[in-house]
N, C-alpha and C. Protein backbone atom coordinates (compact mmCIF):
# COMPACT_ATOMS: atom_id res chain seq x y z
N PRO A 1 211.27 -161.19 315.97
CA PRO A 1 210.15 -160.81 315.12
C PRO A 1 210.57 -159.73 314.11
N GLU A 2 209.95 -159.75 312.94
CA GLU A 2 210.24 -158.77 311.91
C GLU A 2 209.56 -157.45 312.22
N LEU A 3 210.22 -156.35 311.84
CA LEU A 3 209.63 -155.03 312.03
C LEU A 3 208.74 -154.70 310.85
N SER A 4 207.58 -154.22 311.14
CA SER A 4 206.63 -153.86 310.09
C SER A 4 206.71 -152.36 309.87
N GLU A 5 206.55 -151.92 308.61
CA GLU A 5 206.57 -150.49 308.32
C GLU A 5 205.26 -149.83 308.73
N GLU A 6 204.18 -150.55 308.78
CA GLU A 6 202.89 -149.99 309.17
C GLU A 6 202.58 -150.35 310.60
N PRO A 7 202.07 -149.40 311.39
CA PRO A 7 201.71 -149.72 312.77
C PRO A 7 200.47 -150.60 312.78
N PRO A 8 200.31 -151.40 313.83
CA PRO A 8 199.09 -152.21 313.94
C PRO A 8 197.87 -151.31 313.94
N ALA A 9 196.74 -151.84 313.49
CA ALA A 9 195.51 -151.06 313.36
C ALA A 9 195.13 -150.36 314.65
N GLU A 10 195.33 -150.99 315.80
CA GLU A 10 194.93 -150.36 317.06
C GLU A 10 195.79 -149.17 317.43
N MET A 11 196.91 -148.97 316.75
CA MET A 11 197.80 -147.86 317.07
C MET A 11 197.62 -146.67 316.11
N VAL A 12 196.80 -146.81 315.10
CA VAL A 12 196.57 -145.72 314.15
C VAL A 12 195.78 -144.63 314.85
N LYS A 13 196.29 -143.40 314.81
CA LYS A 13 195.61 -142.28 315.46
C LYS A 13 194.59 -141.67 314.52
N MET A 14 193.46 -141.31 315.07
CA MET A 14 192.43 -140.63 314.29
C MET A 14 192.78 -139.16 314.25
N THR A 15 192.65 -138.54 313.09
CA THR A 15 192.91 -137.11 312.97
C THR A 15 191.59 -136.37 312.81
N LYS A 16 191.58 -135.16 313.29
CA LYS A 16 190.39 -134.32 313.19
C LYS A 16 190.23 -133.85 311.75
N SER A 17 189.01 -133.88 311.24
CA SER A 17 188.79 -133.44 309.86
C SER A 17 188.92 -131.93 309.76
N LYS A 18 189.31 -131.46 308.59
CA LYS A 18 189.47 -130.02 308.35
C LYS A 18 188.12 -129.34 308.24
N THR A 19 188.07 -128.09 308.64
CA THR A 19 186.87 -127.28 308.44
C THR A 19 186.83 -126.88 306.99
N PHE A 20 185.73 -127.14 306.31
CA PHE A 20 185.61 -126.81 304.90
C PHE A 20 185.39 -125.31 304.74
N GLN A 21 186.07 -124.73 303.80
CA GLN A 21 185.90 -123.32 303.49
C GLN A 21 185.73 -123.19 301.99
N ALA A 22 184.63 -122.59 301.57
CA ALA A 22 184.35 -122.40 300.15
C ALA A 22 185.05 -121.14 299.65
N TYR A 23 185.44 -121.17 298.40
CA TYR A 23 186.06 -120.01 297.77
C TYR A 23 185.21 -119.58 296.59
N LEU A 24 184.97 -118.30 296.49
CA LEU A 24 184.21 -117.76 295.36
C LEU A 24 185.15 -117.56 294.18
N PRO A 25 184.63 -117.58 292.95
CA PRO A 25 185.49 -117.42 291.77
C PRO A 25 186.23 -116.08 291.77
N ASN A 26 187.48 -116.11 291.34
CA ASN A 26 188.30 -114.90 291.28
C ASN A 26 187.81 -113.89 290.26
N CYS A 27 186.95 -114.32 289.34
CA CYS A 27 186.50 -113.43 288.28
C CYS A 27 185.40 -112.47 288.77
N HIS A 28 184.94 -112.63 289.98
CA HIS A 28 183.87 -111.78 290.52
C HIS A 28 184.38 -110.95 291.70
N ARG A 29 183.80 -109.77 291.85
CA ARG A 29 184.08 -108.99 293.04
C ARG A 29 183.40 -109.69 294.22
N THR A 30 184.10 -109.84 295.30
CA THR A 30 183.57 -110.56 296.44
C THR A 30 183.69 -109.75 297.72
N TYR A 31 182.97 -110.21 298.74
CA TYR A 31 183.09 -109.66 300.08
C TYR A 31 183.64 -110.77 300.96
N SER A 32 184.57 -110.41 301.85
CA SER A 32 185.19 -111.38 302.75
C SER A 32 185.05 -110.90 304.19
N CYS A 33 185.21 -111.85 305.11
CA CYS A 33 185.21 -111.52 306.54
C CYS A 33 186.41 -110.63 306.84
N ILE A 34 186.18 -109.50 307.46
CA ILE A 34 187.28 -108.57 307.75
C ILE A 34 188.23 -109.14 308.80
N HIS A 35 187.76 -110.10 309.58
CA HIS A 35 188.55 -110.65 310.68
C HIS A 35 189.48 -111.78 310.23
N CYS A 36 189.04 -112.62 309.26
CA CYS A 36 189.86 -113.77 308.85
C CYS A 36 189.99 -113.92 307.34
N ARG A 37 189.33 -113.07 306.57
CA ARG A 37 189.36 -113.04 305.11
C ARG A 37 188.67 -114.22 304.43
N ALA A 38 187.85 -114.97 305.13
CA ALA A 38 187.05 -116.03 304.49
C ALA A 38 186.04 -115.36 303.56
N HIS A 39 185.85 -115.92 302.38
CA HIS A 39 184.86 -115.38 301.45
C HIS A 39 183.47 -115.49 302.06
N LEU A 40 182.64 -114.45 301.83
CA LEU A 40 181.28 -114.43 302.37
C LEU A 40 180.22 -114.35 301.27
N ALA A 41 180.42 -113.47 300.31
CA ALA A 41 179.37 -113.26 299.31
C ALA A 41 179.96 -112.70 298.02
N ASN A 42 179.27 -112.96 296.93
CA ASN A 42 179.62 -112.44 295.62
C ASN A 42 178.87 -111.12 295.44
N HIS A 43 179.52 -110.13 294.88
CA HIS A 43 178.88 -108.83 294.67
C HIS A 43 177.61 -108.95 293.84
N ASP A 44 177.56 -109.91 292.93
CA ASP A 44 176.37 -110.12 292.10
C ASP A 44 175.16 -110.55 292.91
N GLU A 45 175.36 -111.03 294.13
CA GLU A 45 174.28 -111.47 295.01
C GLU A 45 173.76 -110.34 295.91
N LEU A 46 174.38 -109.17 295.82
CA LEU A 46 173.96 -108.02 296.63
C LEU A 46 172.63 -107.49 296.13
N ILE A 47 171.66 -107.41 297.02
CA ILE A 47 170.34 -106.90 296.66
C ILE A 47 170.28 -105.40 296.94
N SER A 48 170.68 -105.02 298.14
CA SER A 48 170.64 -103.59 298.47
C SER A 48 171.55 -103.29 299.65
N LYS A 49 171.98 -102.03 299.67
CA LYS A 49 172.68 -101.51 300.83
C LYS A 49 171.62 -100.76 301.62
N ALA A 50 171.48 -101.11 302.88
CA ALA A 50 170.39 -100.54 303.68
C ALA A 50 170.94 -99.82 304.90
N SER A 51 170.06 -99.19 305.62
CA SER A 51 170.37 -98.56 306.90
C SER A 51 171.59 -97.66 306.83
N VAL A 52 171.59 -96.72 305.90
CA VAL A 52 172.65 -95.73 305.74
C VAL A 52 174.04 -96.40 305.68
N ASN A 53 174.16 -97.38 304.80
CA ASN A 53 175.43 -98.08 304.56
C ASN A 53 176.00 -98.79 305.79
N ILE A 54 175.15 -99.23 306.69
CA ILE A 54 175.59 -100.01 307.85
C ILE A 54 175.49 -101.50 307.54
N THR A 55 174.52 -101.89 306.71
CA THR A 55 174.32 -103.29 306.38
C THR A 55 174.10 -103.46 304.89
N SER A 56 174.26 -104.71 304.43
CA SER A 56 173.96 -105.06 303.04
C SER A 56 173.14 -106.33 303.03
N LEU A 57 172.14 -106.38 302.12
CA LEU A 57 171.26 -107.53 301.99
C LEU A 57 171.71 -108.38 300.82
N PHE A 58 171.90 -109.70 301.06
CA PHE A 58 172.38 -110.62 300.04
C PHE A 58 171.39 -111.76 299.82
N LEU A 59 171.38 -112.28 298.58
CA LEU A 59 170.59 -113.46 298.26
C LEU A 59 171.20 -114.72 298.86
N SER A 60 172.51 -114.84 298.79
CA SER A 60 173.17 -116.05 299.28
C SER A 60 174.52 -115.69 299.86
N ARG A 61 175.17 -116.70 300.48
CA ARG A 61 176.45 -116.49 301.12
C ARG A 61 177.17 -117.82 301.20
N VAL A 62 178.47 -117.78 301.51
CA VAL A 62 179.27 -118.99 301.73
C VAL A 62 180.01 -118.81 303.05
N ASN A 63 180.48 -119.92 303.62
CA ASN A 63 181.27 -119.90 304.85
C ASN A 63 180.56 -119.22 306.01
N VAL A 64 179.24 -119.28 306.01
CA VAL A 64 178.46 -118.61 307.06
C VAL A 64 177.55 -119.63 307.72
N GLY A 65 177.61 -119.68 309.05
CA GLY A 65 176.73 -120.54 309.83
C GLY A 65 175.54 -119.75 310.32
N CYS A 66 174.52 -120.45 310.76
CA CYS A 66 173.27 -119.82 311.15
C CYS A 66 172.82 -120.36 312.50
N GLY A 67 172.50 -119.45 313.42
CA GLY A 67 172.00 -119.85 314.73
C GLY A 67 170.50 -120.06 314.71
N PRO A 68 169.90 -120.24 315.88
CA PRO A 68 168.45 -120.46 315.96
C PRO A 68 167.68 -119.16 315.71
N ALA A 69 166.49 -119.29 315.15
CA ALA A 69 165.66 -118.12 314.85
C ALA A 69 164.96 -117.63 316.12
N GLU A 70 164.77 -116.32 316.17
CA GLU A 70 164.02 -115.69 317.25
C GLU A 70 163.32 -114.46 316.70
N GLU A 71 162.23 -114.07 317.34
CA GLU A 71 161.50 -112.89 316.89
C GLU A 71 162.17 -111.64 317.42
N ARG A 72 162.32 -110.64 316.52
CA ARG A 72 162.91 -109.35 316.90
C ARG A 72 162.14 -108.24 316.21
N VAL A 73 161.99 -107.12 316.91
CA VAL A 73 161.41 -105.94 316.29
C VAL A 73 162.57 -105.13 315.73
N LEU A 74 162.61 -105.01 314.41
CA LEU A 74 163.64 -104.24 313.71
C LEU A 74 163.03 -102.94 313.21
N LEU A 75 163.82 -102.10 312.58
CA LEU A 75 163.32 -100.83 312.07
C LEU A 75 162.16 -101.01 311.10
N THR A 76 162.13 -102.14 310.41
CA THR A 76 161.07 -102.40 309.41
C THR A 76 159.96 -103.29 309.95
N GLY A 77 159.91 -103.50 311.26
CA GLY A 77 158.82 -104.27 311.86
C GLY A 77 159.29 -105.56 312.49
N LEU A 78 158.32 -106.41 312.84
CA LEU A 78 158.59 -107.68 313.50
C LEU A 78 159.04 -108.72 312.49
N HIS A 79 160.14 -109.40 312.80
CA HIS A 79 160.70 -110.44 311.94
C HIS A 79 161.17 -111.60 312.81
N ALA A 80 161.18 -112.80 312.24
CA ALA A 80 161.89 -113.93 312.85
C ALA A 80 163.24 -113.98 312.15
N VAL A 81 164.30 -113.80 312.92
CA VAL A 81 165.65 -113.75 312.36
C VAL A 81 166.57 -114.71 313.12
N ALA A 82 167.64 -115.10 312.47
CA ALA A 82 168.67 -115.94 313.08
C ALA A 82 170.02 -115.26 312.88
N ASP A 83 170.81 -115.17 313.93
CA ASP A 83 172.15 -114.60 313.80
C ASP A 83 172.98 -115.48 312.87
N ILE A 84 173.82 -114.85 312.06
CA ILE A 84 174.75 -115.58 311.20
C ILE A 84 176.17 -115.26 311.64
N TYR A 85 177.06 -116.20 311.42
CA TYR A 85 178.43 -116.04 311.87
C TYR A 85 179.40 -116.65 310.86
N CYS A 86 180.63 -116.17 310.87
CA CYS A 86 181.67 -116.70 310.00
C CYS A 86 182.04 -118.10 310.49
N GLU A 87 181.96 -119.08 309.60
CA GLU A 87 182.31 -120.46 309.97
C GLU A 87 183.78 -120.60 310.31
N ASN A 88 184.62 -119.71 309.79
CA ASN A 88 186.05 -119.82 310.01
C ASN A 88 186.48 -119.24 311.36
N CYS A 89 186.07 -118.00 311.68
CA CYS A 89 186.53 -117.35 312.91
C CYS A 89 185.43 -117.19 313.96
N LYS A 90 184.20 -117.57 313.62
CA LYS A 90 183.04 -117.57 314.53
C LYS A 90 182.54 -116.18 314.92
N THR A 91 182.94 -115.13 314.21
CA THR A 91 182.46 -113.78 314.47
C THR A 91 181.02 -113.64 313.98
N THR A 92 180.15 -113.04 314.80
CA THR A 92 178.78 -112.76 314.37
C THR A 92 178.84 -111.67 313.30
N LEU A 93 178.22 -111.93 312.15
CA LEU A 93 178.29 -111.04 310.99
C LEU A 93 177.01 -110.25 310.76
N GLY A 94 175.88 -110.78 311.17
CA GLY A 94 174.59 -110.15 310.88
C GLY A 94 173.48 -111.13 311.19
N TRP A 95 172.49 -111.23 310.30
CA TRP A 95 171.36 -112.12 310.54
C TRP A 95 170.72 -112.57 309.24
N LYS A 96 169.94 -113.62 309.34
CA LYS A 96 169.16 -114.15 308.23
C LYS A 96 167.69 -113.91 308.54
N TYR A 97 166.94 -113.43 307.56
CA TYR A 97 165.50 -113.25 307.72
C TYR A 97 164.82 -114.59 307.49
N GLU A 98 164.26 -115.16 308.54
CA GLU A 98 163.53 -116.42 308.42
C GLU A 98 162.07 -116.17 308.07
N HIS A 99 161.46 -115.15 308.68
CA HIS A 99 160.05 -114.86 308.45
C HIS A 99 159.78 -113.38 308.68
N ALA A 100 159.02 -112.77 307.79
CA ALA A 100 158.58 -111.38 307.95
C ALA A 100 157.08 -111.40 308.25
N PHE A 101 156.67 -110.69 309.26
CA PHE A 101 155.27 -110.69 309.65
C PHE A 101 154.44 -109.66 308.87
N GLU A 102 155.11 -108.67 308.28
CA GLU A 102 154.41 -107.67 307.48
C GLU A 102 154.57 -108.01 306.00
N SER A 103 153.48 -107.93 305.26
CA SER A 103 153.51 -108.34 303.84
C SER A 103 154.51 -107.53 303.02
N SER A 104 154.73 -106.27 303.35
CA SER A 104 155.66 -105.44 302.59
C SER A 104 157.12 -105.87 302.79
N GLN A 105 157.38 -106.72 303.76
CA GLN A 105 158.74 -107.15 304.07
C GLN A 105 159.01 -108.60 303.67
N LYS A 106 158.04 -109.27 303.06
CA LYS A 106 158.18 -110.69 302.70
C LYS A 106 159.36 -110.95 301.75
N TYR A 107 159.74 -109.97 300.95
CA TYR A 107 160.84 -110.16 300.00
C TYR A 107 162.16 -110.45 300.71
N LYS A 108 162.27 -110.15 301.99
CA LYS A 108 163.50 -110.38 302.74
C LYS A 108 163.65 -111.83 303.22
N GLU A 109 162.57 -112.58 303.23
CA GLU A 109 162.62 -113.94 303.76
C GLU A 109 163.66 -114.78 303.02
N GLY A 110 164.49 -115.48 303.80
CA GLY A 110 165.53 -116.33 303.22
C GLY A 110 166.79 -115.59 302.81
N LYS A 111 166.81 -114.28 303.00
CA LYS A 111 167.97 -113.48 302.61
C LYS A 111 168.80 -113.11 303.84
N PHE A 112 169.99 -112.58 303.60
CA PHE A 112 170.98 -112.38 304.65
C PHE A 112 171.43 -110.93 304.74
N ILE A 113 171.53 -110.44 305.96
CA ILE A 113 172.11 -109.13 306.23
C ILE A 113 173.52 -109.37 306.77
N ILE A 114 174.50 -108.75 306.14
CA ILE A 114 175.87 -108.76 306.66
C ILE A 114 176.22 -107.32 306.98
N GLU A 115 176.64 -107.08 308.22
CA GLU A 115 177.00 -105.73 308.63
C GLU A 115 178.33 -105.34 307.97
N LEU A 116 178.39 -104.13 307.43
CA LEU A 116 179.57 -103.68 306.70
C LEU A 116 180.82 -103.65 307.57
N ALA A 117 180.66 -103.48 308.88
CA ALA A 117 181.80 -103.46 309.79
C ALA A 117 182.52 -104.81 309.84
N HIS A 118 181.88 -105.88 309.34
CA HIS A 118 182.46 -107.21 309.41
C HIS A 118 182.90 -107.75 308.06
N MET A 119 182.85 -106.93 307.01
CA MET A 119 183.29 -107.44 305.71
C MET A 119 184.19 -106.45 305.00
N ILE A 120 184.97 -107.02 304.09
CA ILE A 120 185.92 -106.25 303.30
C ILE A 120 185.74 -106.64 301.84
N LYS A 121 186.01 -105.72 300.94
CA LYS A 121 185.90 -105.99 299.50
C LYS A 121 187.16 -106.68 299.01
N ASP A 122 186.99 -107.72 298.18
CA ASP A 122 188.11 -108.47 297.59
C ASP A 122 187.89 -108.65 296.10
N ASN A 123 188.96 -108.95 295.37
CA ASN A 123 188.92 -109.34 293.96
C ASN A 123 188.34 -108.30 293.01
N GLY A 124 189.15 -107.43 292.50
CA GLY A 124 188.77 -106.56 291.40
C GLY A 124 188.04 -105.28 291.75
N TRP A 125 188.05 -104.86 293.00
CA TRP A 125 187.45 -103.58 293.34
C TRP A 125 188.46 -102.49 293.00
N GLU A 126 188.02 -101.48 292.35
CA GLU A 126 188.92 -100.37 291.96
C GLU A 126 188.78 -99.22 292.92
């Protein structure tokens, strides 16, 4: 029998797909995971630094997964929040505000808190 260069279909091994990681544009100052350096947020998306520079509130993020929501009493009242984690290294980074029960806190809904202990500044910080 002749030797074939391609293995028969039943012998082809399936490979695991790669984990997708988004990269933010180099022209912007960014924040990255301090543990694995995956990009997390663009500085332009920063809304405020809160809690005596322990956390930062962002409009959006990349490379971040979200767990299930649960109710928690925070310094600013009762909120439904979900823990967020780095998709690359699985470190818990902070939380996402799913629902604010007090009207003065509604602006936080859909936004993300990343604890400063878990991020590093990248790209163009002086």
